[in-house]
Amino acid sequence: MEAVDVNQLDAFKAAVLFAQTESIIPAPESSHAIATVIREAEKAKEEGTRKTILFNLSGHGLIDMASYDQYFAGDLSNYELTEADLAKSIDTLERII
């Protein structure tokens, strides 16, 4: 298992496809996994290999409908955390000794 990066717009695009095909609105957190599954399936298809892909749908997106509204309205954008942003956040953490 390995961590992969999925940007917000790709995650929502995958979530919409999943909802259209499976009739389940996934939570945005699960949508990142769905996007990765789609990538892996497309890669396997291109390579001509058979692959079993398992993922966890950890929640429905019914309480996240405002985020879906923003996505469909074009009001969401991708955001990448820079090293400077990360360092600034770490610097503000309370030190516990």
PDB file of N, CA and C in Angstrom:
ATOM      1  N   MET A   1       0.847  -1.153   0.000  1.00  0.00           N
ATOM      2  CA  MET A   1       0.000   0.000   0.000  1.00  0.00           C
ATOM      3  C   MET A   1       0.903   1.229   0.000  1.00  0.00           C
ATOM      4  N   GLU A   2       0.442   2.272  -0.706  1.00  0.00           N
ATOM      5  CA  GLU A   2       1.202   3.513  -0.740  1.00  0.00           C
ATOM      6  C   GLU A   2       0.254   4.695  -0.836  1.00  0.00           C
ATOM      7  N   ALA A   3       0.687   5.812  -0.335  1.00  0.00           N
ATOM      8  CA  ALA A   3      -0.110   7.036  -0.411  1.00  0.00           C
ATOM      9  C   ALA A   3       0.058   7.654  -1.788  1.00  0.00           C
ATOM     10  N   VAL A   4      -1.032   8.184  -2.316  1.00  0.00           N
ATOM     11  CA  VAL A   4      -0.984   8.886  -3.593  1.00  0.00           C
ATOM     12  C   VAL A   4      -1.697  10.221  -3.445  1.00  0.00           C
ATOM     13  N   ASP A   5      -1.359  11.133  -4.318  1.00  0.00           N
ATOM     14  CA  ASP A   5      -1.937  12.473  -4.294  1.00  0.00           C
ATOM     15  C   ASP A   5      -3.036  12.565  -5.350  1.00  0.00           C
ATOM     16  N   VAL A   6      -4.201  13.030  -4.934  1.00  0.00           N
ATOM     17  CA  VAL A   6      -5.311  13.263  -5.856  1.00  0.00           C
ATOM     18  C   VAL A   6      -5.808  14.675  -5.607  1.00  0.00           C
ATOM     19  N   ASN A   7      -5.834  15.492  -6.650  1.00  0.00           N
ATOM     20  CA  ASN A   7      -6.312  16.855  -6.424  1.00  0.00           C
ATOM     21  C   ASN A   7      -7.833  16.876  -6.306  1.00  0.00           C
ATOM     22  N   GLN A   8      -8.323  17.954  -5.754  1.00  0.00           N
ATOM     23  CA  GLN A   8      -9.734  18.086  -5.416  1.00  0.00           C
ATOM     24  C   GLN A   8     -10.668  17.923  -6.614  1.00  0.00           C
ATOM     25  N   LEU A   9     -10.328  18.545  -7.731  1.00  0.00           N
ATOM     26  CA  LEU A   9     -11.205  18.483  -8.901  1.00  0.00           C
ATOM     27  C   LEU A   9     -11.268  17.078  -9.486  1.00  0.00           C
ATOM     28  N   ASP A  10     -10.139  16.365  -9.499  1.00  0.00           N
ATOM     29  CA  ASP A  10     -10.146  14.979  -9.973  1.00  0.00           C
ATOM     30  C   ASP A  10     -10.964  14.085  -9.045  1.00  0.00           C
ATOM     31  N   ALA A  11     -10.886  14.352  -7.743  1.00  0.00           N
ATOM     32  CA  ALA A  11     -11.654  13.568  -6.780  1.00  0.00           C
ATOM     33  C   ALA A  11     -13.158  13.762  -6.998  1.00  0.00           C
ATOM     34  N   PHE A  12     -13.593  14.999  -7.197  1.00  0.00           N
ATOM     35  CA  PHE A  12     -15.012  15.248  -7.423  1.00  0.00           C
ATOM     36  C   PHE A  12     -15.474  14.694  -8.772  1.00  0.00           C
ATOM     37  N   LYS A  13     -14.626  14.767  -9.779  1.00  0.00           N
ATOM     38  CA  LYS A  13     -14.975  14.190 -11.085  1.00  0.00           C
ATOM     39  C   LYS A  13     -15.202  12.685 -10.936  1.00  0.00           C
ATOM     40  N   ALA A  14     -14.325  12.021 -10.195  1.00  0.00           N
ATOM     41  CA  ALA A  14     -14.468  10.589  -9.953  1.00  0.00           C
ATOM     42  C   ALA A  14     -15.723  10.296  -9.133  1.00  0.00           C
ATOM     43  N   ALA A  15     -16.025  11.160  -8.174  1.00  0.00           N
ATOM     44  CA  ALA A  15     -17.214  10.973  -7.337  1.00  0.00           C
ATOM     45  C   ALA A  15     -18.487  11.052  -8.165  1.00  0.00           C
ATOM     46  N   VAL A  16     -18.526  11.979  -9.092  1.00  0.00           N
ATOM     47  CA  VAL A  16     -19.703  12.121  -9.955  1.00  0.00           C
ATOM     48  C   VAL A  16     -19.861  10.888 -10.839  1.00  0.00           C
ATOM     49  N   LEU A  17     -18.765  10.404 -11.409  1.00  0.00           N
ATOM     50  CA  LEU A  17     -18.821   9.188 -12.220  1.00  0.00           C
ATOM     51  C   LEU A  17     -19.315   8.009 -11.384  1.00  0.00           C
ATOM     52  N   PHE A  18     -18.801   7.883 -10.178  1.00  0.00           N
ATOM     53  CA  PHE A  18     -19.205   6.799  -9.280  1.00  0.00           C
ATOM     54  C   PHE A  18     -20.697   6.910  -8.956  1.00  0.00           C
ATOM     55  N   ALA A  19     -21.165   8.112  -8.663  1.00  0.00           N
ATOM     56  CA  ALA A  19     -22.581   8.316  -8.350  1.00  0.00           C
ATOM     57  C   ALA A  19     -23.466   7.964  -9.549  1.00  0.00           C
ATOM     58  N   GLN A  20     -23.006   8.317 -10.733  1.00  0.00           N
ATOM     59  CA  GLN A  20     -23.784   8.025 -11.934  1.00  0.00           C
ATOM     60  C   GLN A  20     -23.844   6.531 -12.237  1.00  0.00           C
ATOM     61  N   THR A  21     -22.784   5.807 -11.920  1.00  0.00           N
ATOM     62  CA  THR A  21     -22.750   4.383 -12.249  1.00  0.00           C
ATOM     63  C   THR A  21     -23.239   3.486 -11.112  1.00  0.00           C
ATOM     64  N   GLU A  22     -23.036   3.907  -9.875  1.00  0.00           N
ATOM     65  CA  GLU A  22     -23.379   3.059  -8.728  1.00  0.00           C
ATOM     66  C   GLU A  22     -24.577   3.562  -7.923  1.00  0.00           C
ATOM     67  N   SER A  23     -25.065   4.755  -8.235  1.00  0.00           N
ATOM     68  CA  SER A  23     -26.207   5.364  -7.522  1.00  0.00           C
ATOM     69  C   SER A  23     -25.925   5.589  -6.041  1.00  0.00           C
ATOM     70  N   ILE A  24     -24.660   5.843  -5.724  1.00  0.00           N
ATOM     71  CA  ILE A  24     -24.248   6.179  -4.358  1.00  0.00           C
ATOM     72  C   ILE A  24     -23.436   7.464  -4.440  1.00  0.00           C
ATOM     73  N   ILE A  25     -23.816   8.449  -3.656  1.00  0.00           N
ATOM     74  CA  ILE A  25     -23.042   9.696  -3.613  1.00  0.00           C
ATOM     75  C   ILE A  25     -21.959   9.513  -2.556  1.00  0.00           C
ATOM     76  N   PRO A  26     -20.697   9.442  -2.988  1.00  0.00           N
ATOM     77  CA  PRO A  26     -19.632   9.200  -2.011  1.00  0.00           C
ATOM     78  C   PRO A  26     -19.209  10.480  -1.291  1.00  0.00           C
ATOM     79  N   ALA A  27     -18.723  10.309  -0.076  1.00  0.00           N
ATOM     80  CA  ALA A  27     -18.131  11.422   0.653  1.00  0.00           C
ATOM     81  C   ALA A  27     -16.877  11.867  -0.095  1.00  0.00           C
ATOM     82  N   PRO A  28     -16.537  13.151  -0.020  1.00  0.00           N
ATOM     83  CA  PRO A  28     -15.324  13.626  -0.699  1.00  0.00           C
ATOM     84  C   PRO A  28     -14.065  12.849  -0.298  1.00  0.00           C
ATOM     85  N   GLU A  29     -13.974  12.443   0.970  1.00  0.00           N
ATOM     86  CA  GLU A  29     -12.798  11.684   1.401  1.00  0.00           C
ATOM     87  C   GLU A  29     -12.702  10.362   0.638  1.00  0.00           C
ATOM     88  N   SER A  30     -13.827   9.700   0.441  1.00  0.00           N
ATOM     89  CA  SER A  30     -13.831   8.445  -0.316  1.00  0.00           C
ATOM     90  C   SER A  30     -13.551   8.684  -1.789  1.00  0.00           C
ATOM     91  N   SER A  31     -13.886   9.867  -2.264  1.00  0.00           N
ATOM     92  CA  SER A  31     -13.718  10.189  -3.679  1.00  0.00           C
ATOM     93  C   SER A  31     -12.260  10.173  -4.104  1.00  0.00           C
ATOM     94  N   HIS A  32     -11.358  10.463  -3.186  1.00  0.00           N
ATOM     95  CA  HIS A  32      -9.934  10.381  -3.508  1.00  0.00           C
ATOM     96  C   HIS A  32      -9.552   8.929  -3.802  1.00  0.00           C
ATOM     97  N   ALA A  33     -10.093   8.005  -3.030  1.00  0.00           N
ATOM     98  CA  ALA A  33      -9.829   6.584  -3.280  1.00  0.00           C
ATOM     99  C   ALA A  33     -10.437   6.160  -4.605  1.00  0.00           C
ATOM    100  N   ILE A  34     -11.641   6.633  -4.895  1.00  0.00           N
ATOM    101  CA  ILE A  34     -12.294   6.284  -6.159  1.00  0.00           C
ATOM    102  C   ILE A  34     -11.470   6.773  -7.345  1.00  0.00           C
ATOM    103  N   ALA A  35     -10.969   7.997  -7.256  1.00  0.00           N
ATOM    104  CA  ALA A  35     -10.141   8.536  -8.337  1.00  0.00           C
ATOM    105  C   ALA A  35      -8.891   7.680  -8.544  1.00  0.00           C
ATOM    106  N   THR A  36      -8.310   7.221  -7.456  1.00  0.00           N
ATOM    107  CA  THR A  36      -7.118   6.374  -7.558  1.00  0.00           C
ATOM    108  C   THR A  36      -7.461   5.019  -8.164  1.00  0.00           C
ATOM    109  N   VAL A  37      -8.603   4.461  -7.803  1.00  0.00           N
ATOM    110  CA  VAL A  37      -9.044   3.194  -8.383  1.00  0.00           C
ATOM    111  C   VAL A  37      -9.232   3.344  -9.895  1.00  0.00           C
ATOM    112  N   ILE A  38      -9.840   4.439 -10.308  1.00  0.00           N
ATOM    113  CA  ILE A  38     -10.033   4.676 -11.741  1.00  0.00           C
ATOM    114  C   ILE A  38      -8.687   4.766 -12.452  1.00  0.00           C
ATOM    115  N   ARG A  39      -7.735   5.491 -11.865  1.00  0.00           N
ATOM    116  CA  ARG A  39      -6.389   5.587 -12.458  1.00  0.00           C
ATOM    117  C   ARG A  39      -5.757   4.213 -12.612  1.00  0.00           C
ATOM    118  N   GLU A  40      -5.832   3.409 -11.542  1.00  0.00           N
ATOM    119  CA  GLU A  40      -5.215   2.079 -11.566  1.00  0.00           C
ATOM    120  C   GLU A  40      -5.898   1.175 -12.590  1.00  0.00           C
ATOM    121  N   ALA A  41      -7.224   1.263 -12.698  1.00  0.00           N
ATOM    122  CA  ALA A  41      -7.951   0.444 -13.675  1.00  0.00           C
ATOM    123  C   ALA A  41      -7.592   0.848 -15.100  1.00  0.00           C
ATOM    124  N   GLU A  42      -7.496   2.154 -15.345  1.00  0.00           N
ATOM    125  CA  GLU A  42      -7.115   2.623 -16.683  1.00  0.00           C
ATOM    126  C   GLU A  42      -5.694   2.196 -17.025  1.00  0.00           C
ATOM    127  N   LYS A  43      -4.802   2.272 -16.034  1.00  0.00           N
ATOM    128  CA  LYS A  43      -3.414   1.851 -16.250  1.00  0.00           C
ATOM    129  C   LYS A  43      -3.348   0.361 -16.586  1.00  0.00           C
ATOM    130  N   ALA A  44      -4.092  -0.461 -15.854  1.00  0.00           N
ATOM    131  CA  ALA A  44      -4.110  -1.902 -16.113  1.00  0.00           C
ATOM    132  C   ALA A  44      -4.674  -2.193 -17.503  1.00  0.00           C
ATOM    133  N   LYS A  45      -5.704  -1.454 -17.887  1.00  0.00           N
ATOM    134  CA  LYS A  45      -6.297  -1.643 -19.216  1.00  0.00           C
ATOM    135  C   LYS A  45      -5.290  -1.312 -20.308  1.00  0.00           C
ATOM    136  N   GLU A  46      -4.568  -0.196 -20.138  1.00  0.00           N
ATOM    137  CA  GLU A  46      -3.551   0.204 -21.116  1.00  0.00           C
ATOM    138  C   GLU A  46      -2.440  -0.829 -21.216  1.00  0.00           C
ATOM    139  N   GLU A  47      -2.065  -1.408 -20.070  1.00  0.00           N
ATOM    140  CA  GLU A  47      -0.992  -2.405 -20.043  1.00  0.00           C
ATOM    141  C   GLU A  47      -1.469  -3.787 -20.466  1.00  0.00           C
ATOM    142  N   GLY A  48      -2.779  -3.959 -20.561  1.00  0.00           N
ATOM    143  CA  GLY A  48      -3.328  -5.259 -20.916  1.00  0.00           C
ATOM    144  C   GLY A  48      -3.215  -6.274 -19.802  1.00  0.00           C
ATOM    145  N   THR A  49      -3.195  -5.811 -18.568  1.00  0.00           N
ATOM    146  CA  THR A  49      -3.082  -6.720 -17.425  1.00  0.00           C
ATOM    147  C   THR A  49      -4.395  -6.765 -16.655  1.00  0.00           C
ATOM    148  N   ARG A  50      -4.645  -7.918 -16.037  1.00  0.00           N
ATOM    149  CA  ARG A  50      -5.819  -8.070 -15.181  1.00  0.00           C
ATOM    150  C   ARG A  50      -5.402  -7.722 -13.758  1.00  0.00           C
ATOM    151  N   LYS A  51      -6.261  -7.018 -13.067  1.00  0.00           N
ATOM    152  CA  LYS A  51      -5.915  -6.571 -11.731  1.00  0.00           C
ATOM    153  C   LYS A  51      -7.162  -6.586 -10.861  1.00  0.00           C
ATOM    154  N   THR A  52      -7.010  -7.023  -9.633  1.00  0.00           N
ATOM    155  CA  THR A  52      -8.083  -6.909  -8.652  1.00  0.00           C
ATOM    156  C   THR A  52      -7.772  -5.675  -7.817  1.00  0.00           C
ATOM    157  N   ILE A  53      -8.721  -4.752  -7.771  1.00  0.00           N
ATOM    158  CA  ILE A  53      -8.510  -3.495  -7.050  1.00  0.00           C
ATOM    159  C   ILE A  53      -9.553  -3.398  -5.952  1.00  0.00           C
ATOM    160  N   LEU A  54      -9.110  -3.237  -4.734  1.00  0.00           N
ATOM    161  CA  LEU A  54      -9.989  -3.137  -3.579  1.00  0.00           C
ATOM    162  C   LEU A  54      -9.865  -1.743  -2.985  1.00  0.00           C
ATOM    163  N   PHE A  55     -11.015  -1.133  -2.664  1.00  0.00           N
ATOM    164  CA  PHE A  55     -10.973   0.160  -1.987  1.00  0.00           C
ATOM    165  C   PHE A  55     -12.080   0.219  -0.963  1.00  0.00           C
ATOM    166  N   ASN A  56     -12.010   1.192  -0.078  1.00  0.00           N
ATOM    167  CA  ASN A  56     -12.982   1.343   0.986  1.00  0.00           C
ATOM    168  C   ASN A  56     -13.830   2.586   0.740  1.00  0.00           C
ATOM    169  N   LEU A  57     -15.130   2.387   0.591  1.00  0.00           N
ATOM    170  CA  LEU A  57     -16.072   3.505   0.524  1.00  0.00           C
ATOM    171  C   LEU A  57     -16.459   3.799   1.965  1.00  0.00           C
ATOM    172  N   SER A  58     -15.855   4.829   2.542  1.00  0.00           N
ATOM    173  CA  SER A  58     -15.970   5.053   3.981  1.00  0.00           C
ATOM    174  C   SER A  58     -17.164   5.901   4.391  1.00  0.00           C
ATOM    175  N   GLY A  59     -17.872   6.457   3.439  1.00  0.00           N
ATOM    176  CA  GLY A  59     -19.027   7.258   3.835  1.00  0.00           C
ATOM    177  C   GLY A  59     -19.770   7.816   2.643  1.00  0.00           C
ATOM    178  N   HIS A  60     -21.019   8.172   2.894  1.00  0.00           N
ATOM    179  CA  HIS A  60     -21.824   8.795   1.845  1.00  0.00           C
ATOM    180  C   HIS A  60     -21.624  10.311   1.900  1.00  0.00           C
ATOM    181  N   GLY A  61     -21.959  10.969   0.814  1.00  0.00           N
ATOM    182  CA  GLY A  61     -21.726  12.401   0.723  1.00  0.00           C
ATOM    183  C   GLY A  61     -22.956  13.252   0.967  1.00  0.00           C
ATOM    184  N   LEU A  62     -23.950  12.704   1.610  1.00  0.00           N
ATOM    185  CA  LEU A  62     -25.190  13.456   1.777  1.00  0.00           C
ATOM    186  C   LEU A  62     -25.024  14.714   2.628  1.00  0.00           C
ATOM    187  N   ILE A  63     -24.089  14.708   3.561  1.00  0.00           N
ATOM    188  CA  ILE A  63     -23.872  15.931   4.343  1.00  0.00           C
ATOM    189  C   ILE A  63     -22.852  16.857   3.673  1.00  0.00           C
ATOM    190  N   ASP A  64     -22.357  16.440   2.524  1.00  0.00           N
ATOM    191  CA  ASP A  64     -21.380  17.225   1.779  1.00  0.00           C
ATOM    192  C   ASP A  64     -21.967  17.830   0.517  1.00  0.00           C
ATOM    193  N   MET A  65     -23.278  17.937   0.447  1.00  0.00           N
ATOM    194  CA  MET A  65     -23.920  18.416  -0.781  1.00  0.00           C
ATOM    195  C   MET A  65     -23.498  19.843  -1.129  1.00  0.00           C
ATOM    196  N   ALA A  66     -23.173  20.662  -0.140  1.00  0.00           N
ATOM    197  CA  ALA A  66     -22.702  22.025  -0.423  1.00  0.00           C
ATOM    198  C   ALA A  66     -21.403  21.982  -1.226  1.00  0.00           C
ATOM    199  N   SER A  67     -20.546  21.020  -0.923  1.00  0.00           N
ATOM    200  CA  SER A  67     -19.296  20.872  -1.684  1.00  0.00           C
ATOM    201  C   SER A  67     -19.580  20.450  -3.117  1.00  0.00           C
ATOM    202  N   TYR A  68     -20.546  19.557  -3.288  1.00  0.00           N
ATOM    203  CA  TYR A  68     -20.933  19.159  -4.646  1.00  0.00           C
ATOM    204  C   TYR A  68     -21.536  20.347  -5.397  1.00  0.00           C
ATOM    205  N   ASP A  69     -22.329  21.152  -4.709  1.00  0.00           N
ATOM    206  CA  ASP A  69     -22.883  22.364  -5.338  1.00  0.00           C
ATOM    207  C   ASP A  69     -21.753  23.274  -5.816  1.00  0.00           C
ATOM    208  N   GLN A  70     -20.728  23.448  -4.972  1.00  0.00           N
ATOM    209  CA  GLN A  70     -19.584  24.284  -5.357  1.00  0.00           C
ATOM    210  C   GLN A  70     -18.860  23.691  -6.562  1.00  0.00           C
ATOM    211  N   TYR A  71     -18.713  22.361  -6.588  1.00  0.00           N
ATOM    212  CA  TYR A  71     -18.048  21.701  -7.710  1.00  0.00           C
ATOM    213  C   TYR A  71     -18.807  21.949  -9.011  1.00  0.00           C
ATOM    214  N   PHE A  72     -20.119  21.704  -9.000  1.00  0.00           N
ATOM    215  CA  PHE A  72     -20.922  21.878 -10.210  1.00  0.00           C
ATOM    216  C   PHE A  72     -20.997  23.337 -10.648  1.00  0.00           C
ATOM    217  N   ALA A  73     -20.882  24.263  -9.698  1.00  0.00           N
ATOM    218  CA  ALA A  73     -20.910  25.689 -10.032  1.00  0.00           C
ATOM    219  C   ALA A  73     -19.550  26.182 -10.524  1.00  0.00           C
ATOM    220  N   GLY A  74     -18.528  25.337 -10.433  1.00  0.00           N
ATOM    221  CA  GLY A  74     -17.190  25.738 -10.855  1.00  0.00           C
ATOM    222  C   GLY A  74     -16.469  26.580  -9.823  1.00  0.00           C
ATOM    223  N   ASP A  75     -16.929  26.512  -8.574  1.00  0.00           N
ATOM    224  CA  ASP A  75     -16.343  27.327  -7.513  1.00  0.00           C
ATOM    225  C   ASP A  75     -15.248  26.623  -6.722  1.00  0.00           C
ATOM    226  N   LEU A  76     -14.925  25.384  -7.057  1.00  0.00           N
ATOM    227  CA  LEU A  76     -13.832  24.681  -6.384  1.00  0.00           C
ATOM    228  C   LEU A  76     -12.587  24.769  -7.251  1.00  0.00           C
ATOM    229  N   SER A  77     -11.443  24.778  -6.611  1.00  0.00           N
ATOM    230  CA  SER A  77     -10.184  24.773  -7.346  1.00  0.00           C
ATOM    231  C   SER A  77      -9.209  23.843  -6.640  1.00  0.00           C
ATOM    232  N   ASN A  78      -8.181  23.476  -7.340  1.00  0.00           N
ATOM    233  CA  ASN A  78      -7.137  22.655  -6.741  1.00  0.00           C
ATOM    234  C   ASN A  78      -6.226  23.533  -5.909  1.00  0.00           C
ATOM    235  N   TYR A  79      -5.754  22.989  -4.810  1.00  0.00           N
ATOM    236  CA  TYR A  79      -4.841  23.716  -3.940  1.00  0.00           C
ATOM    237  C   TYR A  79      -3.703  22.779  -3.586  1.00  0.00           C
ATOM    238  N   GLU A  80      -2.507  23.267  -3.738  1.00  0.00           N
ATOM    239  CA  GLU A  80      -1.347  22.477  -3.362  1.00  0.00           C
ATOM    240  C   GLU A  80      -0.657  23.133  -2.185  1.00  0.00           C
ATOM    241  N   LEU A  81      -0.448  22.375  -1.145  1.00  0.00           N
ATOM    242  CA  LEU A  81       0.231  22.851   0.046  1.00  0.00           C
ATOM    243  C   LEU A  81       1.728  22.949  -0.247  1.00  0.00           C
ATOM    244  N   THR A  82       2.266  24.123  -0.066  1.00  0.00           N
ATOM    245  CA  THR A  82       3.703  24.308  -0.314  1.00  0.00           C
ATOM    246  C   THR A  82       4.489  23.925   0.933  1.00  0.00           C
ATOM    247  N   GLU A  83       5.764  23.724   0.751  1.00  0.00           N
ATOM    248  CA  GLU A  83       6.635  23.436   1.901  1.00  0.00           C
ATOM    249  C   GLU A  83       6.606  24.597   2.896  1.00  0.00           C
ATOM    250  N   ALA A  84       6.520  25.837   2.390  1.00  0.00           N
ATOM    251  CA  ALA A  84       6.458  27.009   3.272  1.00  0.00           C
ATOM    252  C   ALA A  84       5.169  27.007   4.089  1.00  0.00           C
ATOM    253  N   ASP A  85       4.044  26.659   3.445  1.00  0.00           N
ATOM    254  CA  ASP A  85       2.770  26.562   4.168  1.00  0.00           C
ATOM    255  C   ASP A  85       2.844  25.505   5.260  1.00  0.00           C
ATOM    256  N   LEU A  86       3.426  24.369   4.919  1.00  0.00           N
ATOM    257  CA  LEU A  86       3.555  23.289   5.878  1.00  0.00           C
ATOM    258  C   LEU A  86       4.436  23.699   7.057  1.00  0.00           C
ATOM    259  N   ALA A  87       5.564  24.322   6.764  1.00  0.00           N
ATOM    260  CA  ALA A  87       6.469  24.770   7.827  1.00  0.00           C
ATOM    261  C   ALA A  87       5.785  25.795   8.729  1.00  0.00           C
ATOM    262  N   LYS A  88       5.026  26.717   8.140  1.00  0.00           N
ATOM    263  CA  LYS A  88       4.310  27.723   8.927  1.00  0.00           C
ATOM    264  C   LYS A  88       3.290  27.069   9.856  1.00  0.00           C
ATOM    265  N   SER A  89       2.570  26.075   9.354  1.00  0.00           N
ATOM    266  CA  SER A  89       1.591  25.371  10.177  1.00  0.00           C
ATOM    267  C   SER A  89       2.270  24.625  11.324  1.00  0.00           C
ATOM    268  N   ILE A  90       3.375  23.983  11.019  1.00  0.00           N
ATOM    269  CA  ILE A  90       4.094  23.237  12.054  1.00  0.00           C
ATOM    270  C   ILE A  90       4.612  24.192  13.121  1.00  0.00           C
ATOM    271  N   ASP A  91       5.072  25.351  12.716  1.00  0.00           N
ATOM    272  CA  ASP A  91       5.582  26.345  13.673  1.00  0.00           C
ATOM    273  C   ASP A  91       4.518  26.846  14.642  1.00  0.00           C
ATOM    274  N   THR A  92       3.249  26.808  14.207  1.00  0.00           N
ATOM    275  CA  THR A  92       2.171  27.301  15.072  1.00  0.00           C
ATOM    276  C   THR A  92       1.628  26.226  16.022  1.00  0.00           C
ATOM    277  N   LEU A  93       2.079  24.993  15.879  1.00  0.00           N
ATOM    278  CA  LEU A  93       1.613  23.938  16.768  1.00  0.00           C
ATOM    279  C   LEU A  93       2.116  24.163  18.189  1.00  0.00           C
ATOM    280  N   GLU A  94       1.278  23.831  19.112  1.00  0.00           N
ATOM    281  CA  GLU A  94       1.667  23.952  20.525  1.00  0.00           C
ATOM    282  C   GLU A  94       2.721  22.904  20.837  1.00  0.00           C
ATOM    283  N   ARG A  95       3.742  23.335  21.521  1.00  0.00           N
ATOM    284  CA  ARG A  95       4.822  22.411  21.895  1.00  0.00           C
ATOM    285  C   ARG A  95       4.438  21.720  23.203  1.00  0.00           C
ATOM    286  N   ILE A  96       4.478  20.401  23.211  1.00  0.00           N
ATOM    287  CA  ILE A  96       4.165  19.635  24.403  1.00  0.00           C
ATOM    288  C   ILE A  96       5.439  18.897  24.799  1.00  0.00           C
ATOM    289  N   ILE A  97       5.835  19.126  25.999  1.00  0.00           N
ATOM    290  CA  ILE A  97       7.086  18.503  26.463  1.00  0.00           C
ATOM    291  C   ILE A  97       6.767  17.435  27.487  1.00  0.00           C
TER     292      ILE A  97
END
